[in-house]
Amino acid sequence: MLALDAPELYYLANFRKALDWLDAHHRDLMDDAERAFVVDFLQLPLPAQALLVRLVMRKGVHFRVSKLRYVEIGDIPTAAAPLLELGWLIDCAALSFDELGALLLKDELATHFAGDLPGGNLKKSEVLDCLRELHVEARSLSDWCPQLDECLLSLAIGPLCDRLRLMFFGNLAQDWSEFVLADLGIFRYEQVPITPGSRGFRDRKDVDDYLHLRACREAFDAGMAVTEVLRQLGDFSSDNPHIGERHQRLLLQLAQHLERAGELESALTLYRDTHAVGSRQRQIRVLERLHRDGEALALAEQVIAAPHNAEEAQLAERARTRLRRRLGLAPAARAAKLIEDRLDLCLPRAASVELAVAMHLAEPDAPVHYVENTLICGLFGLLCWEAIFAPLPGAFFHPFHAGPVDLHRADFHARRSELFAACLARLDDGSYVEAMRRTHAEKFGIQSPFVFWDLLDAERLEQALACLPPAHLSAWFRRLLADIRENRAGMPDLIQFWPSEARYRMIEVKGPGDRLQNNQKRWLAFCAEHGMPVSVCYVEWDD
């Protein structure tokens, strides 16, 4: 007899854990139908529960019964009967031709629509193309294919289950497989205390707002005109930071679409309606295309005076230089040109230019590691672990967060300023070494937005602690905190350690024809400003 603790029902046990969690933490967010689902689901026979969870976790909403084979569930029609009675599954759904095409094999299509197809050996995509315009009305499977001995089950409860999943995870990118990966030990997560104030959604309006934005985004992705998307969006506003940020990003994407389509005035208006990072730079570019250089220059000056981040400042500086030249104005003072510590090498051709340079430069007492952005970020993650995983409201609201939800929000550092100050103070009193070793030992393998454990083993950590001055660590970490989204990328590719001499150098590698990117130039300028040893290695292949 089927029992809930049977190993093969792991997915059902996990789904029921999620329902228990939702009932305990989010019951006030649910509507009557969702609360009723939680109650009714637990009263179903176990085979019916298991079948529903299996279908919820599968892709799509229509399923051929002959293709559903689950030993632990047994007879599918018997398991489906209570679900059909509740209306959670239906067996007579109307299918569009594309939905039918996704369910049938090519040979089945050829058999049932032989009279509509030309001769020849066609691919399935070609068969569908031939038939699509001839069959535009939706029909049930039995009406489409009367001779097909097949039953269909369609998931009618899917949208409700998606809403529950949204309440649990705070997004629709994660799914119930997170439980499985955690159970198998593939992913391990930091256990952050969850309190009523931790939730990502404060009330039902937040849930509805999230879903409304998602529907607008999906309509846009499906080809709906920007004007129609904006009409569907309506006079939207939310004081939930997480949802407000999603709203601003959607407006930015709509404006970019208008700009690419050449609808510059409309794009400019929409750019001005969003506060998303990047919108001011796009306004400058659109004003230039509209030959309104004076307005573009005035905006560039505003950005330079108060940039959102280093990238915006860099691009605005370039725009100002370009605009002043076109307007016949004297050049503005420019930042000093980056002076590279240049290293030129001619090496045998290899699949990876970075690894080729690492092998060439490595010495027995001076190893070279290909780290790119992982080392500095990893060390930061070790030192500031407790600040990063602090249980602040809206940062963690279920057991499967790899990092805080507000990681890339502008107030991420400000909300934790005292905690980060305490962590960084360890760099001043020397206690950082033991703190990072302890975190590495205690947290090894736990998901983190900064620490990539495969690239930061104990040996590499000890080399870094021996060779990297705390003043340099402090400068890097503070730059990261100033803008995590932008500054966690662009770091040099390689690092070479001299443990016996307590020194290091970083190396940015450029293969033939490659050149420095903007974020790399910003990192190199920062390192030069703080006296950090960095070389740029230009490689040519020895053919």
Protein backbone atom coordinates (compact mmCIF):
# COMPACT_ATOMS: atom_id res chain seq x y z
CA MET A 1 0.00 0.00 0.00
CA LEU A 2 1.28 3.46 -0.90
CA ALA A 3 2.72 5.40 2.07
CA LEU A 4 3.79 9.03 2.18
CA ASP A 5 7.22 8.15 3.59
CA ALA A 6 7.98 5.83 0.64
CA PRO A 7 11.26 6.98 -1.00
CA GLU A 8 9.66 7.08 -4.45
CA LEU A 9 7.17 9.69 -3.20
CA TYR A 10 9.89 12.20 -2.30
CA TYR A 11 8.34 14.80 -4.61
CA LEU A 12 4.95 14.52 -2.90
CA ALA A 13 6.49 14.79 0.56
CA ASN A 14 8.32 17.92 -0.54
CA PHE A 15 5.18 19.47 -2.04
CA ARG A 16 3.32 18.85 1.20
CA LYS A 17 6.15 20.48 3.14
CA ALA A 18 5.73 23.53 0.92
CA LEU A 19 1.97 23.59 1.55
CA ASP A 20 2.59 23.37 5.30
CA TRP A 21 5.07 26.26 5.04
CA LEU A 22 2.61 28.36 3.03
CA ASP A 23 -0.18 27.65 5.47
CA ALA A 24 2.03 28.68 8.39
CA HIS A 25 3.69 31.74 6.85
CA HIS A 26 1.47 33.01 4.03
CA ARG A 27 -2.09 32.03 4.81
CA ASP A 28 -3.17 35.67 4.98
CA LEU A 29 -1.89 36.19 1.41
CA MET A 30 -4.09 33.43 -0.02
CA ASP A 31 -7.55 33.88 -1.47
CA ASP A 32 -10.42 31.51 -0.68
CA ALA A 33 -9.66 29.20 -3.61
CA GLU A 34 -6.01 28.81 -2.59
CA ARG A 35 -6.87 28.10 1.05
CA ALA A 36 -9.46 25.57 -0.08
CA PHE A 37 -6.89 23.89 -2.32
CA VAL A 38 -4.51 23.37 0.61
CA VAL A 39 -7.28 21.73 2.64
CA ASP A 40 -8.76 19.65 -0.19
CA PHE A 41 -5.41 18.44 -1.51
CA LEU A 42 -4.52 16.77 1.79
CA GLN A 43 -7.83 14.87 1.79
CA LEU A 44 -7.22 13.23 -1.59
CA PRO A 45 -6.00 9.62 -1.91
CA LEU A 46 -2.22 9.48 -2.10
CA PRO A 47 -2.16 8.32 -5.77
CA ALA A 48 -4.24 11.36 -6.74
CA GLN A 49 -1.96 13.68 -4.75
CA ALA A 50 1.10 12.13 -6.37
CA LEU A 51 -0.32 12.38 -9.91
CA LEU A 52 -1.24 16.04 -9.48
CA VAL A 53 2.24 16.93 -8.20
CA ARG A 54 3.85 15.00 -11.05
CA LEU A 55 1.83 16.96 -13.60
CA VAL A 56 2.38 20.31 -11.87
CA MET A 57 6.13 19.70 -12.05
CA ARG A 58 6.08 18.75 -15.74
CA LYS A 59 6.32 21.17 -18.63
CA GLY A 60 3.06 22.14 -20.30
CA VAL A 61 -0.58 21.57 -19.32
CA HIS A 62 -1.75 18.80 -21.69
CA PHE A 63 -0.69 15.17 -21.18
CA ARG A 64 -1.43 11.96 -23.07
CA VAL A 65 -2.42 9.28 -20.58
CA SER A 66 -0.50 6.61 -22.50
CA LYS A 67 2.71 8.60 -21.92
CA LEU A 68 2.21 8.86 -18.14
CA ARG A 69 3.95 5.91 -16.49
CA TYR A 70 4.66 6.16 -12.77
CA VAL A 71 5.11 2.84 -10.99
CA GLU A 72 4.42 4.34 -7.56
CA ILE A 73 1.10 5.82 -8.74
CA GLY A 74 -0.23 2.81 -10.60
CA ASP A 75 -3.31 3.11 -12.81
CA ILE A 76 -3.42 6.69 -14.08
CA PRO A 77 -7.19 6.90 -14.83
CA THR A 78 -7.96 5.68 -11.30
CA ALA A 79 -5.59 8.25 -9.76
CA ALA A 80 -7.01 10.98 -11.98
CA ALA A 81 -10.68 10.37 -11.11
CA PRO A 82 -10.82 12.49 -7.90
CA LEU A 83 -8.89 15.28 -9.64
CA LEU A 84 -11.37 15.29 -12.54
CA GLU A 85 -14.25 15.43 -10.07
CA LEU A 86 -12.75 18.52 -8.40
CA GLY A 87 -12.11 20.16 -11.77
CA TRP A 88 -8.36 20.31 -11.12
CA LEU A 89 -7.88 18.16 -14.23
CA ILE A 90 -10.09 18.12 -17.32
CA ASP A 91 -10.28 15.46 -20.02
CA CYS A 92 -11.94 17.39 -22.84
CA ALA A 93 -9.76 20.50 -23.23
CA ALA A 94 -9.92 22.36 -26.55
CA LEU A 95 -6.51 22.25 -28.23
CA SER A 96 -5.13 24.71 -30.73
CA PHE A 97 -3.39 23.12 -33.68
CA ASP A 98 0.05 24.00 -32.23
CA GLU A 99 -0.90 22.34 -28.93
CA LEU A 100 -2.02 19.27 -30.86
CA GLY A 101 1.23 19.28 -32.82
CA ALA A 102 3.22 19.28 -29.59
CA LEU A 103 1.36 16.14 -28.42
CA LEU A 104 1.50 14.05 -31.60
CA LEU A 105 4.42 12.38 -33.30
CA LYS A 106 5.18 13.17 -36.94
CA ASP A 107 3.83 9.81 -38.11
CA GLU A 108 0.58 10.37 -36.19
CA LEU A 109 0.15 13.77 -37.81
CA ALA A 110 0.80 12.25 -41.24
CA THR A 111 -1.79 9.53 -40.59
CA HIS A 112 -4.58 11.77 -39.33
CA PHE A 113 -4.03 14.60 -41.82
CA ALA A 114 -2.85 12.62 -44.85
CA GLY A 115 -5.31 14.37 -47.16
CA ASP A 116 -3.88 17.80 -46.36
CA LEU A 117 -0.21 16.97 -46.89
CA PRO A 118 1.89 16.98 -50.08
CA GLY A 119 4.00 13.98 -50.93
CA GLY A 120 7.61 13.55 -49.92
CA ASN A 121 9.48 12.91 -46.69
CA LEU A 122 8.78 16.01 -44.60
CA LYS A 123 10.24 16.95 -41.25
CA LYS A 124 7.77 17.41 -38.41
CA SER A 125 8.24 21.19 -38.49
CA GLU A 126 7.43 21.15 -42.22
CA VAL A 127 4.32 19.03 -41.58
CA LEU A 128 3.15 21.54 -38.98
CA ASP A 129 3.80 24.44 -41.34
CA CYS A 130 1.72 22.79 -44.05
CA LEU A 131 -1.22 22.12 -41.73
CA ARG A 132 -1.28 25.18 -39.46
CA GLU A 133 -3.12 27.56 -41.78
CA LEU A 134 -5.68 24.90 -42.69
CA HIS A 135 -6.72 24.23 -39.09
CA VAL A 136 -7.27 27.35 -37.02
CA GLU A 137 -10.16 26.38 -34.73
CA ALA A 138 -9.48 24.75 -31.36
CA ARG A 139 -10.96 21.27 -30.84
CA SER A 140 -10.79 18.43 -28.37
CA LEU A 141 -8.33 15.62 -29.01
CA SER A 142 -11.14 13.25 -29.96
CA ASP A 143 -12.45 15.77 -32.49
CA TRP A 144 -9.02 16.32 -33.98
CA CYS A 145 -8.17 12.61 -34.21
CA PRO A 146 -11.30 10.40 -33.94
CA GLN A 147 -9.35 7.24 -34.72
CA LEU A 148 -6.65 7.87 -32.10
CA ASP A 149 -7.10 5.54 -29.15
CA GLU A 150 -5.92 8.04 -26.56
CA CYS A 151 -7.14 9.95 -23.52
CA LEU A 152 -5.95 13.42 -22.59
CA LEU A 153 -5.53 15.00 -19.17
CA SER A 154 -5.13 18.78 -18.93
CA LEU A 155 -4.04 20.69 -15.87
CA ALA A 156 -6.69 23.25 -14.90
CA ILE A 157 -5.25 24.03 -11.47
CA GLY A 158 -1.87 25.14 -12.88
CA PRO A 159 -2.35 28.93 -12.44
CA LEU A 160 -3.36 28.45 -8.79
CA CYS A 161 -0.31 26.25 -8.15
CA ASP A 162 1.88 28.88 -9.82
CA ARG A 163 0.53 31.49 -7.43
CA LEU A 164 1.37 29.25 -4.47
CA ARG A 165 4.84 28.72 -5.89
CA LEU A 166 5.23 32.47 -6.26
CA MET A 167 4.25 33.06 -2.64
CA PHE A 168 6.72 30.41 -1.49
CA PHE A 169 9.76 31.41 -3.57
CA GLY A 170 8.97 35.09 -4.13
CA ASN A 171 9.53 34.55 -7.87
CA LEU A 172 8.47 32.21 -10.65
CA ALA A 173 12.01 31.38 -11.79
CA GLN A 174 12.46 28.76 -9.05
CA ASP A 175 10.38 25.61 -8.99
CA TRP A 176 9.66 22.65 -6.74
CA SER A 177 12.80 20.84 -7.93
CA GLU A 178 14.72 23.01 -5.42
CA PHE A 179 13.50 20.59 -2.74
CA VAL A 180 14.87 17.63 -4.65
CA LEU A 181 18.27 19.21 -5.22
CA ALA A 182 18.48 20.07 -1.53
CA ASP A 183 17.39 16.57 -0.46
CA LEU A 184 20.05 15.00 -2.67
CA GLY A 185 22.72 17.29 -1.25
CA ILE A 186 23.42 18.82 -4.66
CA PHE A 187 22.59 22.28 -3.33
CA ARG A 188 23.02 23.37 0.29
CA TYR A 189 21.59 26.63 1.53
CA GLU A 190 22.36 28.86 4.47
CA GLN A 191 19.65 28.47 7.08
CA VAL A 192 18.50 32.04 7.70
CA PRO A 193 15.83 32.56 10.40
CA ILE A 194 12.48 33.32 8.78
CA THR A 195 10.16 35.70 10.62
CA PRO A 196 6.78 37.24 9.65
CA GLY A 197 8.65 40.40 8.68
CA SER A 198 10.93 38.49 6.31
CA ARG A 199 8.32 37.91 3.60
CA GLY A 200 8.80 39.22 0.09
CA PHE A 201 5.06 39.85 -0.26
CA ARG A 202 3.44 41.86 2.50
CA ASP A 203 -0.17 41.52 1.35
CA ARG A 204 -2.31 40.16 -1.45
CA LYS A 205 -1.86 43.32 -3.52
CA ASP A 206 1.87 42.57 -3.78
CA VAL A 207 1.11 39.12 -5.18
CA ASP A 208 -1.40 40.50 -7.68
CA ASP A 209 1.00 43.31 -8.69
CA TYR A 210 3.79 40.81 -9.36
CA LEU A 211 1.51 38.67 -11.52
CA HIS A 212 0.21 41.72 -13.38
CA LEU A 213 3.76 42.79 -14.26
CA ARG A 214 4.59 39.26 -15.34
CA ALA A 215 1.53 39.13 -17.61
CA CYS A 216 2.55 42.43 -19.21
CA ARG A 217 6.10 41.19 -19.72
CA GLU A 218 4.88 37.93 -21.28
CA ALA A 219 2.56 39.89 -23.61
CA PHE A 220 5.50 42.04 -24.70
CA ASP A 221 7.72 38.98 -25.25
CA ALA A 222 4.93 37.44 -27.35
CA GLY A 223 4.96 40.43 -29.69
CA MET A 224 2.34 42.81 -28.30
CA ALA A 225 2.95 46.43 -29.35
CA VAL A 226 4.49 48.70 -26.72
CA THR A 227 1.44 50.98 -26.72
CA GLU A 228 -0.80 47.99 -26.00
CA VAL A 229 1.52 46.74 -23.25
CA LEU A 230 1.44 50.19 -21.63
CA ARG A 231 -2.35 50.23 -21.88
CA GLN A 232 -2.46 46.79 -20.22
CA LEU A 233 0.00 47.97 -17.58
CA GLY A 234 -2.19 50.96 -16.75
CA ASP A 235 -1.39 53.42 -13.97
CA PHE A 236 0.79 50.90 -12.16
CA SER A 237 2.63 51.70 -8.95
CA SER A 238 3.96 49.71 -5.99
CA ASP A 239 5.77 50.70 -2.82
CA ASN A 240 7.23 47.19 -2.55
CA PRO A 241 10.93 47.69 -3.51
CA HIS A 242 11.21 44.28 -5.17
CA ILE A 243 8.13 44.82 -7.33
CA GLY A 244 8.94 48.47 -7.99
CA GLU A 245 12.32 47.47 -9.39
CA ARG A 246 10.68 44.94 -11.73
CA HIS A 247 8.31 47.68 -12.92
CA GLN A 248 11.20 50.04 -13.69
CA ARG A 249 13.07 47.33 -15.61
CA LEU A 250 9.99 46.61 -17.73
CA LEU A 251 9.63 50.30 -18.62
CA LEU A 252 13.31 50.40 -19.59
CA GLN A 253 12.91 47.39 -21.87
CA LEU A 254 9.84 48.91 -23.53
CA ALA A 255 11.72 52.16 -24.11
CA GLN A 256 14.68 50.29 -25.60
CA HIS A 257 12.32 48.54 -28.01
CA LEU A 258 10.92 51.88 -29.14
CA GLU A 259 14.43 53.25 -29.59
CA ARG A 260 15.48 50.29 -31.74
CA ALA A 261 12.32 50.77 -33.81
CA GLY A 262 13.25 54.40 -34.47
CA GLU A 263 10.35 55.81 -32.43
CA LEU A 264 12.72 58.22 -30.70
CA GLU A 265 10.30 60.74 -29.20
CA SER A 266 8.18 57.98 -27.66
CA ALA A 267 11.32 56.23 -26.41
CA LEU A 268 12.59 59.46 -24.83
CA THR A 269 9.29 60.01 -23.02
CA LEU A 270 9.33 56.48 -21.63
CA TYR A 271 13.00 56.69 -20.62
CA ARG A 272 12.12 59.80 -18.62
CA ASP A 273 9.33 57.86 -16.88
CA THR A 274 11.68 55.22 -15.48
CA HIS A 275 14.30 55.50 -12.77
CA ALA A 276 16.05 52.29 -13.83
CA VAL A 277 19.83 52.46 -13.95
CA GLY A 278 20.84 53.07 -17.57
CA SER A 279 17.84 55.19 -18.52
CA ARG A 280 19.75 58.50 -18.36
CA GLN A 281 22.49 57.19 -20.63
CA ARG A 282 19.88 56.05 -23.15
CA GLN A 283 18.25 59.50 -22.96
CA ILE A 284 21.58 61.09 -23.90
CA ARG A 285 21.93 58.80 -26.92
CA VAL A 286 18.36 59.44 -28.07
CA LEU A 287 18.79 63.21 -27.73
CA GLU A 288 21.93 62.95 -29.87
CA ARG A 289 20.00 61.05 -32.54
CA LEU A 290 17.36 63.78 -32.44
CA HIS A 291 20.13 66.39 -32.94
CA ARG A 292 19.30 68.00 -29.58
CA ASP A 293 22.95 68.17 -28.52
CA GLY A 294 22.47 71.01 -26.04
CA GLU A 295 19.92 69.02 -24.04
CA ALA A 296 22.11 65.92 -24.28
CA LEU A 297 25.13 67.83 -22.94
CA ALA A 298 23.13 69.27 -20.04
CA LEU A 299 21.99 65.77 -19.06
CA ALA A 300 25.54 64.40 -19.40
CA GLU A 301 26.74 67.12 -17.00
CA GLN A 302 24.01 66.13 -14.51
CA VAL A 303 25.07 62.49 -14.68
CA ILE A 304 28.75 63.32 -14.18
CA ALA A 305 27.86 65.43 -11.14
CA ALA A 306 25.82 62.61 -9.53
CA PRO A 307 26.30 59.26 -11.33
CA HIS A 308 24.43 56.13 -10.31
CA ASN A 309 27.57 54.06 -10.79
CA ALA A 310 31.03 54.10 -12.34
CA GLU A 311 29.81 52.80 -15.70
CA GLU A 312 27.29 55.61 -16.05
CA ALA A 313 29.97 58.16 -15.17
CA GLN A 314 32.39 56.70 -17.71
CA LEU A 315 29.83 56.74 -20.53
CA ALA A 316 28.67 60.25 -19.64
CA GLU A 317 32.28 61.51 -19.74
CA ARG A 318 32.63 60.15 -23.25
CA ALA A 319 29.32 61.69 -24.29
CA ARG A 320 30.36 65.07 -22.88
CA THR A 321 33.62 65.01 -24.85
CA ARG A 322 31.75 64.09 -28.04
CA LEU A 323 29.02 66.69 -27.53
CA ARG A 324 31.30 69.59 -26.61
CA ARG A 325 33.32 68.92 -29.75
CA ARG A 326 30.19 68.97 -31.93
CA LEU A 327 28.94 72.13 -30.26
CA GLY A 328 32.27 73.87 -30.78
CA LEU A 329 32.97 74.18 -27.05
CA ALA A 330 36.33 73.90 -25.34
CA PRO A 331 37.09 70.36 -24.13
CA ALA A 332 36.28 69.65 -20.48
CA ALA A 333 39.03 68.42 -18.20
CA ARG A 334 39.42 64.68 -18.67
CA ALA A 335 40.58 62.00 -16.30
CA ALA A 336 44.18 60.95 -16.67
CA LYS A 337 44.70 58.32 -19.34
CA LEU A 338 45.22 54.82 -18.05
CA ILE A 339 48.91 53.86 -18.17
CA GLU A 340 49.21 50.11 -18.49
CA ASP A 341 51.98 47.97 -17.09
CA ARG A 342 52.18 46.10 -20.38
CA LEU A 343 53.46 42.57 -20.87
CA ASP A 344 53.82 41.17 -24.42
CA LEU A 345 54.11 37.43 -25.02
CA CYS A 346 54.37 35.22 -28.10
CA LEU A 347 53.15 31.73 -27.17
CA PRO A 348 52.29 28.45 -28.91
CA ARG A 349 48.65 28.41 -29.91
CA ALA A 350 46.35 26.97 -27.22
CA ALA A 351 42.64 26.52 -26.64
CA SER A 352 42.65 28.98 -23.72
CA VAL A 353 44.81 32.08 -23.90
CA GLU A 354 44.45 32.66 -20.14
CA LEU A 355 45.65 29.16 -19.25
CA ALA A 356 48.49 29.44 -21.75
CA VAL A 357 49.72 32.62 -20.04
CA ALA A 358 49.26 31.05 -16.60
CA MET A 359 51.40 28.05 -17.56
CA HIS A 360 54.07 30.29 -19.10
CA LEU A 361 54.38 32.59 -16.08
CA ALA A 362 54.05 30.02 -13.31
CA GLU A 363 57.14 29.18 -11.27
CA PRO A 364 57.64 26.49 -8.63
CA ASP A 365 57.46 29.07 -5.83
CA ALA A 366 55.09 31.45 -7.63
CA PRO A 367 51.88 29.71 -8.78
CA VAL A 368 49.51 31.43 -11.19
CA HIS A 369 45.75 30.89 -10.89
CA TYR A 370 43.02 31.65 -13.41
CA VAL A 371 40.53 33.36 -11.11
CA GLU A 372 38.93 36.23 -13.10
CA ASN A 373 36.14 37.59 -10.85
CA THR A 374 36.00 34.72 -8.38
CA LEU A 375 38.87 35.34 -5.97
CA ILE A 376 38.14 38.87 -4.73
CA CYS A 377 34.41 38.15 -4.64
CA GLY A 378 35.06 34.89 -2.79
CA LEU A 379 37.24 36.51 -0.15
CA PHE A 380 34.62 39.23 0.31
CA GLY A 381 31.96 36.55 0.74
CA LEU A 382 33.99 34.77 3.41
CA LEU A 383 34.74 37.89 5.45
CA CYS A 384 31.23 39.36 5.23
CA TRP A 385 29.17 36.17 5.43
CA GLU A 386 27.06 37.21 8.42
CA ALA A 387 26.28 40.63 6.89
CA ILE A 388 25.31 39.10 3.53
CA PHE A 389 23.02 36.53 5.16
CA ALA A 390 21.54 38.84 7.79
CA PRO A 391 17.80 38.08 8.25
CA LEU A 392 16.51 41.50 7.23
CA PRO A 393 12.88 42.07 6.15
CA GLY A 394 12.37 41.13 2.52
CA ALA A 395 15.84 39.57 2.15
CA PHE A 396 15.08 35.89 2.82
CA PHE A 397 11.63 34.32 2.93
CA HIS A 398 12.06 30.62 2.21
CA PRO A 399 14.77 27.97 2.85
CA PHE A 400 16.23 27.96 -0.68
CA HIS A 401 17.85 31.36 -1.12
CA ALA A 402 21.40 31.36 -2.52
CA GLY A 403 21.66 35.01 -1.48
CA PRO A 404 19.56 37.94 -0.33
CA VAL A 405 16.77 39.07 -2.65
CA ASP A 406 17.87 42.71 -2.38
CA LEU A 407 21.49 41.99 -3.35
CA HIS A 408 21.44 44.30 -6.37
CA ARG A 409 19.22 47.00 -4.95
CA ALA A 410 20.77 50.41 -4.35
CA ASP A 411 20.14 50.21 -0.60
CA PHE A 412 21.71 46.77 -0.11
CA HIS A 413 24.79 48.17 1.67
CA ALA A 414 22.92 50.92 3.50
CA ARG A 415 20.51 48.44 5.10
CA ARG A 416 23.46 46.50 6.52
CA SER A 417 25.99 49.30 6.97
CA GLU A 418 26.78 48.52 10.62
CA LEU A 419 27.14 44.80 9.93
CA PHE A 420 29.49 45.40 7.00
CA ALA A 421 31.48 47.94 9.01
CA ALA A 422 32.03 45.32 11.72
CA CYS A 423 33.19 42.76 9.15
CA LEU A 424 35.58 45.17 7.41
CA ALA A 425 36.97 46.32 10.76
CA ARG A 426 38.60 42.89 11.04
CA LEU A 427 40.94 43.96 8.24
CA ASP A 428 42.24 46.68 10.54
CA ASP A 429 42.81 44.60 13.67
CA GLY A 430 44.13 41.47 11.91
CA SER A 431 41.31 39.17 12.98
CA TYR A 432 40.20 38.79 9.34
CA VAL A 433 42.57 35.86 8.76
CA GLU A 434 41.01 33.63 11.38
CA ALA A 435 37.50 34.83 10.52
CA MET A 436 37.87 33.88 6.85
CA ARG A 437 39.43 30.52 7.69
CA ARG A 438 36.57 29.77 10.07
CA THR A 439 33.89 30.70 7.55
CA HIS A 440 35.62 28.62 4.88
CA ALA A 441 35.63 25.57 7.14
CA GLU A 442 32.11 25.98 8.52
CA LYS A 443 30.28 27.05 5.38
CA PHE A 444 32.14 25.12 2.68
CA GLY A 445 29.75 24.08 -0.09
CA ILE A 446 26.81 26.24 0.97
CA GLN A 447 25.32 28.31 -1.85
CA SER A 448 26.59 31.88 -1.91
CA PRO A 449 26.31 34.76 -4.39
CA PHE A 450 30.03 35.45 -3.96
CA VAL A 451 31.94 32.29 -3.02
CA PHE A 452 32.65 29.72 -5.74
CA TRP A 453 33.95 26.86 -3.64
CA ASP A 454 35.51 24.88 -6.50
CA LEU A 455 37.82 27.82 -7.22
CA LEU A 456 38.63 28.73 -3.61
CA ASP A 457 39.97 25.67 -1.87
CA ALA A 458 41.88 25.82 1.41
CA GLU A 459 45.29 25.99 -0.31
CA ARG A 460 44.34 28.94 -2.52
CA LEU A 461 42.79 30.70 0.47
CA GLU A 462 46.04 30.38 2.43
CA GLN A 463 48.05 31.73 -0.50
CA ALA A 464 45.71 34.71 -0.75
CA LEU A 465 45.87 35.42 2.98
CA ALA A 466 49.67 35.27 2.87
CA CYS A 467 50.08 37.55 -0.15
CA LEU A 468 47.21 40.06 -0.28
CA PRO A 469 47.62 43.09 2.01
CA PRO A 470 44.57 43.88 4.16
CA ALA A 471 44.59 47.45 2.80
CA HIS A 472 44.10 46.08 -0.72
CA LEU A 473 41.37 43.71 0.45
CA SER A 474 39.62 46.62 2.14
CA ALA A 475 39.76 48.76 -1.00
CA TRP A 476 38.42 45.95 -3.20
CA PHE A 477 35.62 45.07 -0.81
CA ARG A 478 34.49 48.68 -0.43
CA ARG A 479 34.40 49.06 -4.21
CA LEU A 480 32.28 45.93 -4.44
CA LEU A 481 29.85 47.30 -1.89
CA ALA A 482 29.54 50.58 -3.79
CA ASP A 483 27.87 48.77 -6.71
CA ILE A 484 27.74 44.99 -6.53
CA ARG A 485 26.03 44.45 -9.88
CA GLU A 486 28.64 46.41 -11.85
CA ASN A 487 31.82 45.96 -9.82
CA ARG A 488 31.76 42.20 -9.34
CA ALA A 489 32.85 41.87 -13.00
CA GLY A 490 35.86 43.15 -14.93
CA MET A 491 38.58 41.97 -12.54
CA PRO A 492 41.89 40.69 -13.96
CA ASP A 493 41.96 37.13 -15.24
CA LEU A 494 45.03 35.78 -13.43
CA ILE A 495 46.74 36.21 -10.10
CA GLN A 496 50.29 35.17 -9.26
CA PHE A 497 51.33 34.59 -5.66
CA TRP A 498 54.81 34.71 -4.10
CA PRO A 499 53.96 33.29 -0.64
CA SER A 500 57.56 33.38 0.65
CA GLU A 501 57.74 37.09 -0.23
CA ALA A 502 54.16 37.98 0.79
CA ARG A 503 53.45 39.65 -2.55
CA TYR A 504 51.29 39.17 -5.64
CA ARG A 505 50.43 40.54 -9.04
CA MET A 506 47.26 40.38 -11.12
CA ILE A 507 47.29 39.92 -14.88
CA GLU A 508 44.60 40.84 -17.37
CA VAL A 509 45.04 38.68 -20.50
CA LYS A 510 44.19 39.81 -24.02
CA GLY A 511 44.47 37.44 -26.96
CA PRO A 512 45.11 38.47 -30.57
CA GLY A 513 42.71 41.22 -31.61
CA ASP A 514 41.14 41.49 -28.16
CA ARG A 515 41.02 44.77 -26.25
CA LEU A 516 40.10 46.04 -22.82
CA GLN A 517 36.40 46.39 -22.03
CA ASN A 518 34.98 49.36 -20.17
CA ASN A 519 34.52 47.56 -16.84
CA GLN A 520 38.08 46.17 -17.10
CA LYS A 521 39.45 49.67 -17.65
CA ARG A 522 37.62 50.86 -14.56
CA TRP A 523 39.11 48.07 -12.46
CA LEU A 524 42.62 48.71 -13.82
CA ALA A 525 42.30 52.43 -13.08
CA PHE A 526 41.13 51.64 -9.55
CA CYS A 527 44.07 49.29 -8.95
CA ALA A 528 46.53 51.85 -10.31
CA GLU A 529 45.06 54.52 -8.04
CA HIS A 530 45.62 52.28 -4.99
CA GLY A 531 49.08 51.06 -5.95
CA MET A 532 48.02 47.48 -6.67
CA PRO A 533 50.33 45.49 -8.98
CA VAL A 534 48.44 44.73 -12.19
CA SER A 535 49.80 43.96 -15.66
CA VAL A 536 47.99 43.72 -18.98
CA CYS A 537 49.37 40.82 -21.01
CA TYR A 538 48.92 40.95 -24.80
CA VAL A 539 49.41 37.59 -26.48
CA GLU A 540 50.27 36.75 -30.06
CA TRP A 541 50.34 33.15 -31.25
CA ASP A 542 53.65 31.73 -32.40
CA ASP A 543 52.56 30.09 -35.67
